[in-house]
Amino acid sequence: MSPKISLEIDAEKLRSARHGKALTLRELSEITGIDHNVIWMYEKGRRSPIPRNLRKLASALGVNPSDLTIK
């Protein structure tokens, strides 16, 4: 079994993008299929998403995945 790859997300960029779309955590959760508690942890910098979840978040927010990561 290969290890899961996670990316370092910029919590503030994620939160700003969500607010820019006027979405609640629950609404973003419904769109992406990612539990709202997990998204909350991403926004607090307590957890980093796997690539698939980063792509889902970026797609839902209308940004490139690299726009949400720490450069």
Protein backbone atom coordinates (compact mmCIF):
# COMPACT_ATOMS: atom_id res chain seq x y z
CA MET A 1 0.00 0.00 0.00
CA SER A 2 1.45 3.38 -0.96
CA PRO A 3 1.48 6.24 1.53
CA LYS A 4 -1.09 8.99 1.13
CA ILE A 5 0.30 12.21 -0.24
CA SER A 6 -0.92 15.38 1.39
CA LEU A 7 -0.30 18.93 0.29
CA GLU A 8 0.28 21.90 2.53
CA ILE A 9 -2.78 24.04 2.11
CA ASP A 10 -2.82 27.78 2.81
CA ALA A 11 -5.65 27.93 5.33
CA GLU A 12 -6.28 31.65 4.82
CA LYS A 13 -6.48 31.29 1.02
CA LEU A 14 -9.00 28.47 1.38
CA ARG A 15 -11.13 30.44 3.85
CA SER A 16 -10.95 33.58 1.68
CA ALA A 17 -11.95 31.66 -1.45
CA ARG A 18 -14.92 30.12 0.37
CA HIS A 19 -16.03 33.48 1.72
CA GLY A 20 -15.57 34.99 -1.75
CA LYS A 21 -18.12 32.48 -3.07
CA ALA A 22 -20.38 33.20 -0.06
CA LEU A 23 -20.41 29.52 0.91
CA THR A 24 -20.78 28.08 4.38
CA LEU A 25 -18.69 25.11 5.44
CA ARG A 26 -21.75 22.90 5.08
CA GLU A 27 -22.52 24.19 1.59
CA LEU A 28 -18.94 23.59 0.45
CA SER A 29 -19.15 20.16 2.04
CA GLU A 30 -22.29 19.31 0.06
CA ILE A 31 -20.67 20.46 -3.20
CA THR A 32 -17.39 18.59 -2.67
CA GLY A 33 -18.50 15.55 -0.71
CA ILE A 34 -15.86 16.36 1.92
CA ASP A 35 -17.14 16.40 5.51
CA HIS A 36 -17.58 19.96 6.81
CA ASN A 37 -15.48 19.14 9.89
CA VAL A 38 -12.59 18.14 7.63
CA ILE A 39 -12.86 21.38 5.66
CA TRP A 40 -12.90 23.27 8.96
CA MET A 41 -9.66 21.51 9.93
CA TYR A 42 -8.13 22.51 6.58
CA GLU A 43 -9.13 26.12 7.23
CA LYS A 44 -7.61 26.02 10.71
CA GLY A 45 -4.37 24.50 9.42
CA ARG A 46 -4.87 21.37 11.50
CA ARG A 47 -4.99 19.01 8.54
CA SER A 48 -3.80 18.95 4.93
CA PRO A 49 -5.86 17.52 2.09
CA ILE A 50 -4.93 14.64 -0.15
CA PRO A 51 -4.59 15.70 -3.80
CA ARG A 52 -8.09 14.48 -4.75
CA ASN A 53 -9.71 16.62 -2.04
CA LEU A 54 -7.61 19.63 -2.99
CA ARG A 55 -8.86 19.29 -6.57
CA LYS A 56 -12.47 19.01 -5.37
CA LEU A 57 -12.13 22.14 -3.24
CA ALA A 58 -10.45 24.12 -6.01
CA SER A 59 -13.08 23.08 -8.55
CA ALA A 60 -15.94 24.04 -6.23
CA LEU A 61 -14.32 27.41 -5.52
CA GLY A 62 -13.42 28.14 -9.14
CA VAL A 63 -9.66 28.35 -8.57
CA ASN A 64 -6.60 26.33 -9.50
CA PRO A 65 -5.42 23.84 -6.87
CA SER A 66 -2.08 25.65 -6.70
CA ASP A 67 -3.95 28.82 -5.66
CA LEU A 68 -4.84 27.09 -2.39
CA THR A 69 -1.40 25.75 -1.46
CA ILE A 70 1.54 27.31 0.28
CA LYS A 71 4.13 28.19 -2.31
